[in-house]
Amino acid sequence: MPVAWFVSAMPAPDLSPEARPWRVSARLDDNAFVEECRAWGINEVVFQKDLWTMYKPLLRADFKVWRMLACCLNI
């Protein structure tokens, strides 16, 4: 894990699971993950086939960081 990590404009990852504004993305299939990303306001251009191939793994990794951080904080 990094020594320091600064994130802005996001809810704190130490929120209780019930209070978090995101779903556990690891369990989402591709269609549900797209809908979760749309709910976060990600620009529709990202979901074009050519771009989604590139952005999907990046976004999945972003969501994974939140899960990992929550686990490290024992929440």
Foldseek 3Di string as FASTA:
>chain_A
DDPDDDDPPADDLQDDPVPHPADQCVPDDPVVNVVRVVVVVDDPVCVDPVNVVVCVVVVVVVSVVSVVVNVVVVD
